[in-house]
Protein backbone atom coordinates (compact mmCIF):
# COMPACT_ATOMS: atom_id res chain seq x y z
CA MET A 1 -115.85 132.85 95.45
CA ILE A 2 -113.13 131.15 97.53
CA ASP A 3 -109.84 129.47 96.66
CA ALA A 4 -109.74 125.67 96.85
CA LYS A 5 -106.67 125.60 99.12
CA PRO A 6 -107.77 124.94 102.70
CA ASP A 7 -105.63 125.57 105.75
CA HIS A 8 -106.36 122.40 107.72
CA ASP A 9 -105.22 123.82 111.04
CA SER A 10 -107.57 126.78 110.72
CA LEU A 11 -110.46 124.72 109.32
CA TYR A 12 -110.29 122.09 112.05
CA HIS A 13 -110.14 124.70 114.80
CA ARG A 14 -113.22 126.40 113.36
CA PHE A 15 -114.97 123.06 112.95
CA PHE A 16 -114.29 121.83 116.49
CA SER A 17 -115.00 125.21 118.07
CA ASP A 18 -118.70 124.31 117.93
CA PRO A 19 -119.73 122.63 121.21
CA ALA A 20 -122.38 120.53 119.43
CA VAL A 21 -119.75 119.16 117.04
CA VAL A 22 -117.45 118.30 119.96
CA ALA A 23 -120.34 116.50 121.66
CA GLN A 24 -120.89 114.46 118.48
CA LEU A 25 -117.18 113.59 118.33
CA LEU A 26 -117.25 112.31 121.92
CA ARG A 27 -120.45 110.30 121.44
CA GLU A 28 -119.31 108.65 118.21
CA PHE A 29 -115.56 108.22 118.62
CA VAL A 30 -114.78 108.32 122.35
CA ALA A 31 -117.89 106.50 123.52
CA GLY A 32 -117.84 104.82 126.93
CA PRO A 33 -119.96 104.28 130.03
CA TRP A 34 -118.36 107.30 131.66
CA LEU A 35 -120.14 109.56 129.11
CA ASP A 36 -123.42 108.82 130.90
CA GLY A 37 -122.13 110.85 133.82
CA LEU A 38 -121.51 113.95 131.68
CA ASP A 39 -123.96 116.57 130.44
CA LEU A 40 -122.81 116.87 126.83
CA ASP A 41 -125.48 119.47 126.15
CA GLY A 42 -123.61 121.77 128.52
CA VAL A 43 -120.23 121.65 126.73
CA GLU A 44 -118.44 124.99 127.01
CA ARG A 45 -115.15 126.22 125.50
CA LEU A 46 -112.45 127.09 128.04
CA ASN A 47 -110.04 129.90 127.22
CA THR A 48 -106.64 128.42 128.00
CA LYS A 49 -103.81 130.78 128.89
CA PHE A 50 -100.96 128.51 129.88
CA HIS A 51 -97.49 128.14 128.34
CA ALA A 52 -95.19 125.16 127.92
CA ASP A 53 -91.60 125.43 129.23
CA THR A 54 -90.47 126.03 125.65
CA GLY A 55 -92.46 129.27 125.67
CA GLU A 56 -95.00 127.79 123.27
CA ARG A 57 -98.45 129.16 123.96
CA ARG A 58 -101.05 126.40 124.00
CA GLU A 59 -104.02 128.54 122.94
CA GLY A 60 -104.30 126.55 119.72
CA ASP A 61 -105.43 123.43 121.54
CA LEU A 62 -109.13 123.11 122.21
CA VAL A 63 -110.13 122.63 125.84
CA TRP A 64 -113.75 122.00 126.76
CA ARG A 65 -115.50 122.07 130.11
CA ILE A 66 -118.29 119.49 130.50
CA PRO A 67 -120.58 119.55 133.56
CA ARG A 68 -120.78 116.30 135.51
CA ARG A 69 -124.23 115.13 136.53
CA ASP A 70 -122.98 114.39 140.05
CA GLY A 71 -121.58 117.92 140.45
CA GLY A 72 -118.32 119.53 139.38
CA ASP A 73 -116.78 119.52 135.93
CA ALA A 74 -114.72 117.34 133.62
CA TYR A 75 -112.42 118.70 130.92
CA VAL A 76 -111.63 117.44 127.45
CA MET A 77 -108.32 118.50 125.93
CA LEU A 78 -108.55 118.08 122.15
CA LEU A 79 -105.16 118.16 120.41
CA LEU A 80 -105.22 118.35 116.60
CA GLU A 81 -102.36 116.63 114.78
CA PHE A 82 -101.75 117.19 111.06
CA GLN A 83 -98.25 115.78 110.67
CA SER A 84 -97.80 112.88 108.23
CA THR A 85 -96.44 110.44 110.83
CA PRO A 86 -97.48 109.83 114.45
CA ASP A 87 -95.50 111.49 117.24
CA PRO A 88 -93.94 108.73 119.41
CA TRP A 89 -93.67 111.18 122.33
CA MET A 90 -97.33 112.19 122.30
CA ALA A 91 -97.96 110.65 125.73
CA LEU A 92 -95.24 112.86 127.19
CA ARG A 93 -96.61 115.94 125.43
CA MET A 94 -100.08 115.25 126.79
CA LEU A 95 -98.68 114.85 130.30
CA VAL A 96 -97.11 118.32 130.05
CA TYR A 97 -100.25 119.92 128.62
CA THR A 98 -102.47 118.24 131.21
CA GLY A 99 -100.23 119.48 134.01
CA LEU A 100 -100.33 123.02 132.62
CA LEU A 101 -104.12 122.87 132.33
CA TRP A 102 -104.44 121.67 135.94
CA GLN A 103 -102.21 124.54 137.07
CA GLN A 104 -104.52 127.00 135.34
CA LEU A 105 -107.59 125.38 136.90
CA VAL A 106 -105.98 125.64 140.34
CA ARG A 107 -105.22 129.34 139.80
CA GLU A 108 -108.80 129.96 138.69
CA GLN A 109 -110.24 127.88 141.54
CA ARG A 110 -112.02 125.54 139.11
CA LEU A 111 -111.77 122.57 141.46
CA MET A 112 -114.11 119.80 142.51
CA PRO A 113 -116.54 120.54 145.38
CA ASP A 114 -114.18 118.65 147.71
CA GLY A 115 -111.20 120.74 146.58
CA ARG A 116 -109.58 118.09 144.40
CA LEU A 117 -108.52 118.39 140.74
CA PRO A 118 -111.23 117.84 138.12
CA PRO A 119 -110.74 114.92 135.70
CA ILE A 120 -109.26 115.56 132.26
CA LEU A 121 -109.71 113.46 129.13
CA PRO A 122 -106.85 114.04 126.65
CA VAL A 123 -107.90 113.32 123.04
CA VAL A 124 -105.57 113.38 120.02
CA LEU A 125 -107.31 113.81 116.65
CA TYR A 126 -104.94 112.69 113.89
CA ASN A 127 -105.39 112.86 110.10
CA GLY A 128 -101.95 111.80 108.82
CA ASP A 129 -101.34 109.25 106.09
CA ALA A 130 -99.70 106.54 108.22
CA ARG A 131 -101.79 104.78 110.85
CA TRP A 132 -101.31 105.87 114.47
CA ARG A 133 -98.97 103.41 116.20
CA ALA A 134 -97.45 105.65 118.87
CA PRO A 135 -97.73 104.50 122.52
CA VAL A 136 -100.85 105.86 124.20
CA GLU A 137 -99.47 105.30 127.73
CA LEU A 138 -96.61 107.31 129.19
CA ARG A 139 -95.18 104.32 131.04
CA ASP A 140 -94.49 102.60 127.72
CA LEU A 141 -91.89 105.33 127.12
CA ILE A 142 -90.05 104.84 130.41
CA GLY A 143 -86.96 102.62 130.29
CA LEU A 144 -87.69 100.71 133.47
CA SER A 145 -89.00 97.24 134.24
CA LYS A 146 -92.48 97.13 135.70
CA HIS A 147 -91.05 94.84 138.36
CA SER A 148 -88.52 97.46 139.48
CA PRO A 149 -89.01 98.94 142.98
CA MET A 150 -88.89 102.37 141.30
CA TRP A 151 -91.87 101.62 139.06
CA GLN A 152 -94.44 102.76 141.60
CA TRP A 153 -93.05 106.30 141.49
CA GLN A 154 -93.12 106.73 137.73
CA PRO A 155 -95.77 109.13 136.43
CA ASP A 156 -98.70 107.62 134.59
CA MET A 157 -100.59 109.15 131.65
CA ARG A 158 -102.92 107.87 128.94
CA TYR A 159 -104.62 109.67 126.05
CA HIS A 160 -107.33 108.65 123.59
CA PRO A 161 -106.25 108.72 119.91
CA ILE A 162 -108.76 109.21 117.09
CA ASP A 163 -107.09 108.18 113.84
CA GLU A 164 -109.34 109.37 111.00
CA GLY A 165 -107.85 106.98 108.46
CA ALA A 166 -108.42 103.92 110.65
CA PHE A 167 -112.18 103.96 110.04
CA GLY A 168 -113.54 102.21 106.95
CA PRO A 169 -116.15 103.79 104.66
CA GLY A 170 -118.93 101.50 105.88
CA ASP A 171 -118.14 102.25 109.52
CA LEU A 172 -118.26 106.02 108.92
CA GLU A 173 -121.47 105.82 106.89
CA ARG A 174 -123.22 104.20 109.84
CA ARG A 175 -122.38 107.14 112.10
CA ASP A 176 -124.76 110.09 111.92
CA GLY A 177 -122.68 113.10 112.84
CA LEU A 178 -120.60 115.86 111.30
CA PRO A 179 -117.23 114.41 112.45
CA ALA A 180 -117.99 111.18 110.56
CA LEU A 181 -118.83 113.18 107.42
CA LEU A 182 -115.59 115.12 107.85
CA PHE A 183 -113.58 111.89 108.16
CA ARG A 184 -115.27 110.47 105.05
CA LEU A 185 -114.28 113.54 103.08
CA GLU A 186 -110.74 113.51 104.46
CA ASN A 187 -110.15 109.82 103.71
CA SER A 188 -109.35 110.62 100.07
CA PRO A 189 -112.61 109.55 98.38
CA GLU A 190 -112.48 108.66 94.70
CA PRO A 191 -113.62 111.52 92.44
CA ASP A 192 -116.81 109.68 91.49
CA GLN A 193 -117.77 109.52 95.20
CA LEU A 194 -117.63 113.26 95.78
CA VAL A 195 -121.11 114.11 94.49
CA GLY A 196 -122.70 111.40 96.66
CA LEU A 197 -120.74 112.65 99.66
CA ALA A 198 -121.82 116.22 98.96
CA ASP A 199 -125.43 115.00 98.84
CA ALA A 200 -124.96 113.31 102.24
CA VAL A 201 -123.57 116.56 103.68
CA LEU A 202 -126.49 118.57 102.26
CA ALA A 203 -129.00 116.05 103.63
CA TRP A 204 -127.40 116.24 107.09
CA PHE A 205 -127.60 120.02 107.24
CA ALA A 206 -131.20 119.89 105.99
CA ARG A 207 -132.08 117.66 108.97
CA HIS A 208 -130.06 119.79 111.41
CA PRO A 209 -130.55 123.55 110.95
CA GLY A 210 -127.77 125.81 112.13
CA PHE A 211 -124.12 124.74 112.26
CA GLN A 212 -123.13 127.63 109.99
CA ALA A 213 -119.42 127.46 110.88
CA ALA A 214 -119.31 123.72 110.12
CA ARG A 215 -121.21 124.28 106.89
CA ALA A 216 -118.60 126.81 105.75
CA VAL A 217 -115.83 124.32 106.54
CA PHE A 218 -117.44 121.69 104.31
CA VAL A 219 -117.71 124.23 101.48
CA GLU A 220 -113.96 124.77 101.61
CA LEU A 221 -113.09 121.08 101.94
CA LEU A 222 -115.38 120.06 99.08
CA GLY A 223 -113.91 122.87 97.01
CA ALA A 224 -110.42 121.53 97.69
CA ALA A 225 -111.53 117.99 96.76
CA MET A 226 -112.67 119.42 93.43
CA ALA A 227 -109.09 120.36 92.48
CA PRO A 228 -108.27 117.09 90.61
CA LEU A 229 -111.37 117.68 88.47
CA GLY A 230 -110.28 121.18 87.50
CA PRO A 231 -106.91 122.58 88.71
CA GLY A 232 -107.08 126.19 89.83
CA VAL A 233 -110.85 126.16 90.04
CA ARG A 234 -112.55 128.74 92.25
CA VAL A 235 -115.64 127.49 94.02
CA PRO A 236 -118.77 129.31 95.23
CA GLU A 237 -119.47 129.92 98.90
CA GLU A 238 -122.83 128.14 99.05
CA LEU A 239 -122.87 124.40 99.73
CA LEU A 240 -125.60 123.63 97.18
CA GLU A 241 -123.75 125.54 94.47
CA VAL A 242 -120.57 123.63 95.31
CA ARG A 243 -122.48 120.35 94.98
CA ASN A 244 -123.88 121.37 91.58
CA MET A 245 -120.47 122.49 90.37
CA LEU A 246 -119.06 119.14 91.53
CA ALA A 247 -121.68 117.30 89.49
CA THR A 248 -120.85 119.37 86.40
CA ARG A 249 -117.12 118.94 86.86
CA MET A 250 -117.59 115.22 87.48
CA GLU A 251 -119.41 114.79 84.18
CA GLN A 252 -116.65 116.69 82.38
CA TRP A 253 -114.01 114.61 84.18
CA LYS A 254 -115.74 111.35 83.21
CA GLN A 255 -115.94 112.44 79.58
CA ARG A 256 -112.25 113.35 79.63
CA MET A 257 -111.31 110.02 81.22
CA LEU A 258 -113.43 108.17 78.64
CA LEU A 259 -111.78 110.02 75.75
CA GLU A 260 -108.31 109.41 77.15
CA GLY A 261 -109.18 105.74 77.63
CA GLU A 262 -110.31 105.49 74.01
CA GLN A 263 -107.12 107.18 72.85
CA ARG A 264 -104.99 104.80 74.91
CA GLY A 265 -106.96 101.89 73.47
CA GLU A 266 -106.33 103.12 69.93
CA GLN A 267 -102.63 103.55 70.71
CA ARG A 268 -102.42 100.04 72.17
CA GLY A 269 -104.24 98.64 69.12
CA GLU A 270 -101.83 100.44 66.79
CA GLN A 271 -98.84 99.21 68.78
CA ARG A 272 -100.07 95.61 68.73
CA GLY A 273 -100.67 95.76 64.97
CA GLU A 274 -97.21 97.15 64.22
CA ALA A 275 -95.58 94.66 66.59
CA ALA A 276 -97.32 91.72 64.86
CA LEU A 277 -96.23 92.98 61.43
CA LEU A 278 -92.61 93.41 62.53
CA LEU A 279 -92.54 89.90 64.00
CA ARG A 280 -93.90 88.37 60.79
CA LEU A 281 -91.38 90.20 58.62
CA ALA A 282 -88.49 89.33 60.95
CA GLU A 283 -89.45 85.62 60.99
CA ARG A 284 -89.74 85.56 57.20
CA ARG A 285 -86.19 86.87 56.97
CA PHE A 286 -84.43 85.18 59.89
CA GLY A 287 -86.67 82.24 60.72
CA LEU A 288 -88.04 81.45 64.18
CA LEU A 289 -87.18 84.32 66.52
CA PRO A 290 -85.68 83.82 69.99
CA ALA A 291 -87.95 84.57 72.94
CA TRP A 292 -85.95 87.63 73.96
CA ALA A 293 -86.55 89.25 70.56
CA ARG A 294 -90.30 88.61 70.66
CA ASP A 295 -90.48 90.00 74.22
CA ARG A 296 -88.70 93.19 73.21
CA VAL A 297 -91.03 93.79 70.27
CA VAL A 298 -94.18 93.16 72.31
CA ALA A 299 -93.04 95.57 75.05
CA ALA A 300 -91.85 98.36 72.73
CA ASP A 301 -93.73 101.50 71.72
CA THR A 302 -94.61 102.33 68.12
CA VAL A 303 -91.61 104.66 67.64
CA MET A 304 -89.15 101.90 68.52
CA ILE A 305 -91.01 99.32 66.44
CA GLU A 306 -90.79 101.61 63.41
CA GLU A 307 -87.04 102.09 63.99
CA TRP A 308 -86.49 98.33 64.15
CA GLY A 309 -88.56 97.91 60.97
CA LEU A 310 -86.15 100.21 59.12
CA ARG A 311 -83.14 98.32 60.46
CA LEU A 312 -84.70 95.04 59.36
CA LEU A 313 -84.25 96.08 55.72
CA GLU A 314 -80.43 95.99 55.91
CA ALA A 315 -79.57 93.92 59.02
CA LYS A 316 -77.53 90.74 58.54
CA SER A 317 -78.87 89.08 61.75
CA ILE A 318 -81.70 89.46 64.23
CA GLU A 319 -79.17 90.69 66.82
CA GLU A 320 -78.18 93.52 64.51
CA VAL A 321 -81.82 94.68 64.33
CA PHE A 322 -82.03 95.25 68.07
CA THR A 323 -78.56 96.74 68.60
């Protein structure tokens, strides 16, 4: 059994440490004509060893080498962002990381056949609540007119953002890959959608044997999504068992919601009945009531209505009832 409290940083690194999953991410969310020139079946993880000037080791970022069909390599730098709001300085950060990666490639002699630097595609995968609105080009951060004579010497940099929350349910359902299933699960599905989503995950793995690391990630994420249905629940480690537990919990949750709805309906019916009785008694004693008095009675709960009913027995005016 495992706890339903996932560490997103750890889970995402495990998930995107599978070269086949990275290839799916590129095909479905970074698609472009340039992909035709890359051999995505040859994706290979690169062990990065560089440091930023702050002393921060960048081993956490995922860097992938992809063979080019015309010879040489291209590199994809995948940066995972889990903060709630976009980083406005992301273009600058990616410039620094790209420079550090190029320095490592120079040291390791991983250059193009003609001795030049290999191309790098910086990708930012973001799963925060707010939509990504940060500039994707470095030059948008530079306080200089594009018509300035100095503009030609300003560094240029552009990254590709993938904002999980920017994709609608229908869009994600049309994509047949594990990243799309991950995004669907992360986009806060309603509780009654979880069983169907778990079925889609099971069906995908049935069609694609393997992917054990990704399968384990989905077990933990589905277990975490089960929390609103049963706080503190511990979930099994097998995906099918998680799905069956979800179905059981969902039925229990629906029954609980139905019972609570019936109770709220009974309470509202009781409140409306008591409010109508109080209004009739008040009008019999004081005549036609002002609108403000009727509004207060209609909006009040049963406890307050009962209190006003007791006051009505001795009050000399309608104002005295409500003060």
